[in-house]
């Protein structure tokens, strides 16, 4: 790709056994996933934590809003990982995926030092009528269930 250096990026398309993940979303971003406005879920961190390196194509990501039950899920189409992206790579991520990520403009201002990036492309989305019973009492924003 012109102007896009994949030296620090890893692209994953498939995994033998799909996994389930529980992810916490603010109500506004959960709504954007369900309406289709948000087509890519991005997780950005300073330390190597889930979902970095553990989510793969075909995995189910359960959508949980803080203080509420699990409200739905999406299936991951593909994943791109960045390990310590250089400034030009981070700029390219913002330029190329800003619309699909559907993040507030202030989001980028708050993220000065990012070492790990996980971009998950959303394939299908489902709202739950009856939510699965999953107990979560800690503050982790992402939990690998199986």
Protein backbone atom coordinates (compact mmCIF):
# COMPACT_ATOMS: atom_id res chain seq x y z
CA UNK A 1 0.00 0.00 0.00
CA UNK A 2 1.43 3.40 -0.86
CA UNK A 3 2.57 5.33 2.21
CA UNK A 4 1.67 2.50 4.53
CA UNK A 5 4.56 0.56 5.98
CA UNK A 6 3.63 -2.79 7.49
CA UNK A 7 6.93 -3.29 9.34
CA UNK A 8 5.24 -2.95 12.73
CA UNK A 9 1.86 -4.32 11.67
CA UNK A 10 0.58 -7.85 11.71
CA UNK A 11 -2.53 -8.82 9.76
CA UNK A 12 -4.60 -11.80 10.90
CA UNK A 13 -7.42 -13.27 8.84
CA UNK A 14 -8.24 -16.68 10.32
CA UNK A 15 -7.97 -18.82 13.39
CA UNK A 16 -8.76 -22.51 13.77
CA UNK A 17 -11.08 -22.10 16.77
CA UNK A 18 -13.15 -18.93 17.10
CA UNK A 19 -13.06 -17.44 20.58
CA UNK A 20 -15.48 -15.27 22.55
CA UNK A 21 -14.47 -11.98 24.08
CA UNK A 22 -16.27 -9.59 26.39
CA UNK A 23 -15.64 -5.92 25.63
CA UNK A 24 -16.89 -2.86 27.47
CA UNK A 25 -18.17 0.00 25.30
CA UNK A 26 -19.56 3.39 26.16
CA UNK A 27 -23.24 3.66 25.23
CA UNK A 28 -22.46 6.03 22.33
CA UNK A 29 -19.97 3.61 20.72
CA UNK A 30 -22.22 0.59 21.25
CA UNK A 31 -24.98 2.51 19.46
CA UNK A 32 -22.62 3.33 16.58
CA UNK A 33 -21.79 -0.37 16.22
CA UNK A 34 -25.48 -1.34 16.08
CA UNK A 35 -26.35 1.40 13.57
CA UNK A 36 -23.43 0.44 11.32
CA UNK A 37 -21.70 3.81 11.65
CA UNK A 38 -18.75 2.14 13.41
CA UNK A 39 -17.25 -0.43 11.05
CA UNK A 40 -13.89 -0.89 12.82
CA UNK A 41 -13.32 -1.28 16.55
CA UNK A 42 -9.93 -0.02 17.65
CA UNK A 43 -8.18 -0.62 20.93
CA UNK A 44 -5.13 1.50 21.72
CA UNK A 45 -2.85 0.94 24.72
CA UNK A 46 0.53 1.69 26.22
CA UNK A 47 0.98 -1.85 27.49
CA UNK A 48 0.43 -5.19 25.75
CA UNK A 49 -3.04 -6.20 26.95
CA UNK A 50 -6.04 -7.93 25.36
CA UNK A 51 -7.30 -7.72 22.71
CA UNK A 52 -3.78 -7.21 21.32
CA UNK A 53 -2.56 -10.55 19.98
CA UNK A 54 -5.57 -12.57 21.12
CA UNK A 55 -8.49 -11.63 18.87
CA UNK A 56 -8.76 -13.18 15.41
CA UNK A 57 -11.05 -13.26 12.41
CA UNK A 58 -14.23 -15.19 13.18
CA UNK A 59 -14.14 -14.39 16.90
CA UNK A 60 -17.29 -13.12 18.62
CA UNK A 61 -17.01 -9.92 20.66
CA UNK A 62 -19.78 -9.50 23.21
CA UNK A 63 -20.80 -5.86 23.67
CA UNK A 64 -21.27 -4.75 27.28
CA UNK A 65 -22.17 -1.29 28.48
CA UNK A 66 -20.84 -0.34 31.95
CA UNK A 67 -23.36 -1.14 34.68
CA UNK A 68 -25.61 -3.03 32.25
CA UNK A 69 -25.89 -6.50 30.81
CA UNK A 70 -24.38 -7.70 27.56
CA UNK A 71 -26.48 -6.07 24.84
CA UNK A 72 -25.18 -7.74 21.68
CA UNK A 73 -22.18 -8.99 19.76
CA UNK A 74 -20.21 -8.59 16.59
CA UNK A 75 -18.16 -11.06 14.59
CA UNK A 76 -14.64 -10.01 13.66
CA UNK A 77 -13.95 -10.02 9.93
CA UNK A 78 -10.19 -9.38 10.14
CA UNK A 79 -7.65 -7.85 12.51
CA UNK A 80 -4.62 -5.64 12.08
CA UNK A 81 -2.11 -5.28 14.93
CA UNK A 82 0.53 -2.58 15.32
CA UNK A 83 3.42 -3.05 17.75
CA UNK A 84 5.01 0.31 18.63
CA UNK A 85 3.78 2.14 15.52
CA UNK A 86 5.99 4.96 14.33
CA UNK A 87 4.50 8.44 14.09
CA UNK A 88 3.97 8.17 10.33
CA UNK A 89 2.20 4.81 10.79
CA UNK A 90 -0.04 6.26 13.49
CA UNK A 91 -0.85 9.21 11.23
CA UNK A 92 -1.71 6.77 8.45
CA UNK A 93 -4.00 4.80 10.82
CA UNK A 94 -5.86 8.02 11.68
CA UNK A 95 -6.11 9.08 8.04
CA UNK A 96 -7.16 5.71 6.66
CA UNK A 97 -9.51 4.45 9.41
CA UNK A 98 -10.85 7.58 11.18
CA UNK A 99 -14.31 7.38 9.55
CA UNK A 100 -14.68 3.62 10.07
CA UNK A 101 -13.59 3.93 13.72
CA UNK A 102 -16.23 6.67 14.28
CA UNK A 103 -14.30 8.17 17.20
CA UNK A 104 -14.66 11.68 18.55
CA UNK A 105 -12.00 14.09 17.32
CA UNK A 106 -10.85 14.61 20.92
CA UNK A 107 -9.98 10.90 21.15
CA UNK A 108 -6.83 11.40 19.07
CA UNK A 109 -5.68 14.34 21.22
CA UNK A 110 -5.81 12.20 24.36
CA UNK A 111 -3.66 9.42 22.88
CA UNK A 112 -0.15 10.84 22.72
CA UNK A 113 1.81 7.70 23.54
CA UNK A 114 0.38 4.50 22.09
CA UNK A 115 2.48 1.34 21.86
CA UNK A 116 -0.09 -1.24 20.78
CA UNK A 117 -2.97 -0.90 18.34
CA UNK A 118 -5.62 -3.50 17.52
CA UNK A 119 -7.99 -2.76 14.63
CA UNK A 120 -10.92 -5.18 14.35
CA UNK A 121 -13.06 -4.98 11.24
CA UNK A 122 -16.71 -5.71 12.06
CA UNK A 123 -18.40 -8.36 9.88
CA UNK A 124 -21.86 -8.85 11.39
CA UNK A 125 -23.66 -7.36 14.39
CA UNK A 126 -26.49 -8.82 16.48
CA UNK A 127 -28.52 -7.32 19.31
CA UNK A 128 -29.55 -9.76 22.03
CA UNK A 129 -33.16 -10.19 23.07
CA UNK A 130 -32.07 -12.40 25.94
CA UNK A 131 -28.53 -11.55 27.05
CA UNK A 132 -26.12 -14.32 28.03
CA UNK A 133 -25.34 -14.55 31.73
CA UNK A 134 -21.76 -13.40 32.13
CA UNK A 135 -20.50 -12.20 35.47
CA UNK A 136 -17.96 -9.40 35.32
CA UNK A 137 -17.04 -7.34 38.38
CA UNK A 138 -13.58 -6.02 37.54
CA UNK A 139 -12.45 -2.94 35.63
CA UNK A 140 -10.85 -4.64 32.64
CA UNK A 141 -12.24 -3.25 29.38
CA UNK A 142 -11.56 -6.53 27.52
CA UNK A 143 -11.82 -10.14 28.75
CA UNK A 144 -11.09 -13.29 26.77
CA UNK A 145 -13.86 -15.74 27.68
CA UNK A 146 -12.78 -18.87 25.79
